N, C-alpha and C. Protein backbone atom coordinates (compact mmCIF):
# COMPACT_ATOMS: atom_id res chain seq x y z
N MET A 1 -81.21 108.86 1.25
CA MET A 1 -81.29 107.68 0.42
C MET A 1 -82.74 107.20 0.36
N TRP A 2 -83.39 107.20 1.49
CA TRP A 2 -84.78 106.73 1.54
C TRP A 2 -85.66 107.58 0.64
N ASP A 3 -85.47 108.89 0.65
CA ASP A 3 -86.27 109.77 -0.21
C ASP A 3 -86.05 109.44 -1.69
N TYR A 4 -84.83 109.14 -2.06
CA TYR A 4 -84.52 108.77 -3.43
C TYR A 4 -85.26 107.48 -3.80
N ILE A 5 -85.25 106.51 -2.92
CA ILE A 5 -85.95 105.24 -3.16
C ILE A 5 -87.44 105.51 -3.38
N LEU A 6 -88.02 106.37 -2.54
CA LEU A 6 -89.45 106.66 -2.66
C LEU A 6 -89.78 107.38 -3.96
N GLU A 7 -88.83 108.16 -4.49
CA GLU A 7 -89.06 108.81 -5.79
C GLU A 7 -89.11 107.80 -6.92
N LYS A 8 -88.38 106.72 -6.79
CA LYS A 8 -88.27 105.72 -7.86
C LYS A 8 -89.26 104.56 -7.72
N TYR A 9 -89.56 104.20 -6.49
CA TYR A 9 -90.36 102.99 -6.24
C TYR A 9 -91.47 103.25 -5.24
N MET A 10 -92.48 102.44 -5.33
CA MET A 10 -93.57 102.51 -4.35
C MET A 10 -93.28 101.48 -3.26
N VAL A 11 -92.75 101.95 -2.15
CA VAL A 11 -92.37 101.07 -1.06
C VAL A 11 -93.11 101.53 0.20
N PRO A 12 -93.82 100.63 0.86
CA PRO A 12 -94.49 101.03 2.09
C PRO A 12 -93.46 101.33 3.18
N ILE A 13 -93.81 102.18 4.09
CA ILE A 13 -92.91 102.58 5.18
C ILE A 13 -92.44 101.36 5.98
N GLU A 14 -93.28 100.33 6.03
CA GLU A 14 -92.89 99.12 6.76
C GLU A 14 -91.68 98.42 6.12
N GLY A 15 -91.43 98.71 4.85
CA GLY A 15 -90.30 98.10 4.15
C GLY A 15 -89.01 98.87 4.27
N ARG A 16 -89.05 100.02 4.93
CA ARG A 16 -87.87 100.89 5.01
C ARG A 16 -86.67 100.17 5.61
N LYS A 17 -86.85 99.49 6.72
CA LYS A 17 -85.73 98.83 7.39
C LYS A 17 -85.10 97.79 6.47
N TRP A 18 -85.93 97.00 5.79
CA TRP A 18 -85.42 95.96 4.90
C TRP A 18 -84.68 96.59 3.71
N VAL A 19 -85.27 97.62 3.11
CA VAL A 19 -84.65 98.28 1.96
C VAL A 19 -83.29 98.86 2.34
N MET A 20 -83.23 99.57 3.44
CA MET A 20 -81.98 100.19 3.85
C MET A 20 -80.93 99.14 4.22
N SER A 21 -81.36 98.07 4.84
CA SER A 21 -80.44 96.98 5.18
C SER A 21 -79.90 96.32 3.91
N THR A 22 -80.74 96.13 2.93
CA THR A 22 -80.33 95.52 1.66
C THR A 22 -79.34 96.41 0.92
N ILE A 23 -79.62 97.70 0.89
CA ILE A 23 -78.69 98.65 0.26
C ILE A 23 -77.34 98.61 0.96
N ASN A 24 -77.37 98.60 2.28
CA ASN A 24 -76.13 98.53 3.05
C ASN A 24 -75.34 97.26 2.72
N ASP A 25 -76.02 96.13 2.69
CA ASP A 25 -75.35 94.86 2.38
C ASP A 25 -74.75 94.87 0.98
N LEU A 26 -75.50 95.38 0.01
CA LEU A 26 -75.00 95.42 -1.36
C LEU A 26 -73.82 96.37 -1.52
N TRP A 27 -73.84 97.47 -0.78
CA TRP A 27 -72.72 98.42 -0.83
C TRP A 27 -71.46 97.76 -0.27
N ARG A 28 -71.60 97.01 0.81
CA ARG A 28 -70.45 96.31 1.39
C ARG A 28 -69.89 95.27 0.42
N VAL A 29 -70.77 94.55 -0.26
CA VAL A 29 -70.34 93.56 -1.26
C VAL A 29 -69.58 94.26 -2.40
N HIS A 30 -70.13 95.38 -2.85
CA HIS A 30 -69.48 96.15 -3.92
C HIS A 30 -68.08 96.58 -3.50
N LYS A 31 -67.94 97.13 -2.31
CA LYS A 31 -66.63 97.58 -1.84
C LYS A 31 -65.66 96.41 -1.73
N SER A 32 -66.14 95.29 -1.24
CA SER A 32 -65.29 94.11 -1.09
C SER A 32 -64.81 93.60 -2.45
N ARG A 33 -65.70 93.54 -3.40
CA ARG A 33 -65.32 93.08 -4.74
C ARG A 33 -64.34 94.05 -5.40
N MET A 34 -64.57 95.34 -5.18
CA MET A 34 -63.68 96.36 -5.74
C MET A 34 -62.27 96.18 -5.18
N LYS A 35 -62.17 95.95 -3.90
CA LYS A 35 -60.86 95.76 -3.28
C LYS A 35 -60.20 94.47 -3.77
N ASP A 36 -60.98 93.40 -3.87
CA ASP A 36 -60.44 92.14 -4.38
C ASP A 36 -59.91 92.29 -5.80
N LYS A 37 -60.68 92.96 -6.64
CA LYS A 37 -60.36 93.06 -8.06
C LYS A 37 -59.26 94.08 -8.36
N HIS A 38 -59.20 95.15 -7.57
CA HIS A 38 -58.28 96.24 -7.91
C HIS A 38 -57.19 96.49 -6.88
N TYR A 39 -57.19 95.74 -5.80
CA TYR A 39 -56.12 95.90 -4.80
C TYR A 39 -55.39 94.58 -4.59
N TYR A 40 -56.09 93.58 -4.11
CA TYR A 40 -55.45 92.30 -3.83
C TYR A 40 -54.95 91.59 -5.09
N ALA A 41 -55.54 91.88 -6.22
CA ALA A 41 -55.16 91.22 -7.47
C ALA A 41 -53.78 91.64 -7.96
N TYR A 42 -53.26 92.75 -7.45
CA TYR A 42 -51.97 93.27 -7.91
C TYR A 42 -51.06 93.50 -6.71
N THR A 43 -49.77 93.33 -6.94
CA THR A 43 -48.82 93.41 -5.83
C THR A 43 -48.25 94.80 -5.58
N THR A 44 -48.35 95.68 -6.55
CA THR A 44 -47.80 97.03 -6.38
C THR A 44 -48.85 98.08 -6.75
N ASP A 45 -48.66 99.26 -6.21
CA ASP A 45 -49.57 100.36 -6.55
C ASP A 45 -49.45 100.75 -8.01
N ALA A 46 -48.28 100.57 -8.59
CA ALA A 46 -48.10 100.89 -10.02
C ALA A 46 -48.99 99.98 -10.87
N ARG A 47 -49.03 98.72 -10.55
CA ARG A 47 -49.88 97.78 -11.30
C ARG A 47 -51.35 98.05 -11.00
N ARG A 48 -51.64 98.39 -9.77
CA ARG A 48 -53.04 98.73 -9.41
C ARG A 48 -53.48 99.96 -10.19
N TRP A 49 -52.60 100.94 -10.27
CA TRP A 49 -52.92 102.18 -10.98
C TRP A 49 -53.16 101.90 -12.46
N LYS A 50 -52.32 101.06 -13.04
CA LYS A 50 -52.45 100.72 -14.45
C LYS A 50 -53.79 100.04 -14.73
N ASN A 51 -54.31 99.32 -13.77
CA ASN A 51 -55.55 98.56 -13.94
C ASN A 51 -56.72 99.16 -13.15
N ARG A 52 -56.62 100.45 -12.87
CA ARG A 52 -57.69 101.09 -12.08
C ARG A 52 -59.00 101.10 -12.85
N PRO A 53 -60.11 101.02 -12.14
CA PRO A 53 -61.42 101.08 -12.81
C PRO A 53 -61.65 102.49 -13.36
N LYS A 54 -62.11 102.57 -14.57
CA LYS A 54 -62.33 103.87 -15.21
C LYS A 54 -63.55 104.59 -14.65
N THR A 55 -64.34 103.90 -13.83
CA THR A 55 -65.52 104.53 -13.22
C THR A 55 -65.16 105.32 -11.97
N ILE A 56 -63.89 105.24 -11.55
CA ILE A 56 -63.42 105.98 -10.38
C ILE A 56 -62.40 107.00 -10.86
N SER A 57 -62.58 108.24 -10.44
CA SER A 57 -61.65 109.29 -10.87
C SER A 57 -60.24 108.99 -10.35
N GLU A 58 -59.26 109.60 -10.99
CA GLU A 58 -57.87 109.39 -10.59
C GLU A 58 -57.66 109.78 -9.13
N GLN A 59 -58.18 110.92 -8.73
CA GLN A 59 -58.00 111.39 -7.35
C GLN A 59 -58.67 110.45 -6.36
N GLN A 60 -59.87 110.01 -6.66
CA GLN A 60 -60.57 109.10 -5.76
C GLN A 60 -59.84 107.77 -5.66
N PHE A 61 -59.31 107.28 -6.77
CA PHE A 61 -58.58 106.00 -6.73
C PHE A 61 -57.28 106.16 -5.95
N ARG A 62 -56.61 107.27 -6.12
CA ARG A 62 -55.39 107.55 -5.35
C ARG A 62 -55.71 107.56 -3.86
N ASP A 63 -56.79 108.23 -3.50
CA ASP A 63 -57.20 108.26 -2.09
C ASP A 63 -57.56 106.86 -1.59
N LEU A 64 -58.22 106.10 -2.44
CA LEU A 64 -58.62 104.74 -2.08
C LEU A 64 -57.40 103.86 -1.88
N LEU A 65 -56.41 103.95 -2.75
CA LEU A 65 -55.18 103.17 -2.57
C LEU A 65 -54.47 103.56 -1.28
N ASN A 66 -54.41 104.83 -0.99
CA ASN A 66 -53.80 105.28 0.27
C ASN A 66 -54.54 104.71 1.47
N TYR A 67 -55.85 104.71 1.40
CA TYR A 67 -56.67 104.18 2.49
C TYR A 67 -56.44 102.68 2.65
N TRP A 68 -56.47 101.96 1.54
CA TRP A 68 -56.26 100.51 1.60
C TRP A 68 -54.86 100.17 2.10
N ASP A 69 -53.87 100.99 1.76
CA ASP A 69 -52.51 100.75 2.24
C ASP A 69 -52.40 100.90 3.76
N LEU A 70 -53.26 101.69 4.34
CA LEU A 70 -53.23 101.90 5.80
C LEU A 70 -53.81 100.72 6.58
N GLU A 71 -54.67 99.97 5.93
CA GLU A 71 -55.35 98.88 6.63
C GLU A 71 -54.42 97.72 6.90
């Protein structure tokens, strides 16, 4: 991930910890919002499936629903 950041942006090595921490925080926020919007918002997997985000493949969403059901 760090190498990708360096390809796109000029970031001093001293900023690595902050950049990686920020990416981590934003990823957690994204996952939380995804679960709120596409899992907790619906009471059944059938309704969740009907309203699945089109940016996630069917197989990945199926796996995600199975994972969320285990929690």
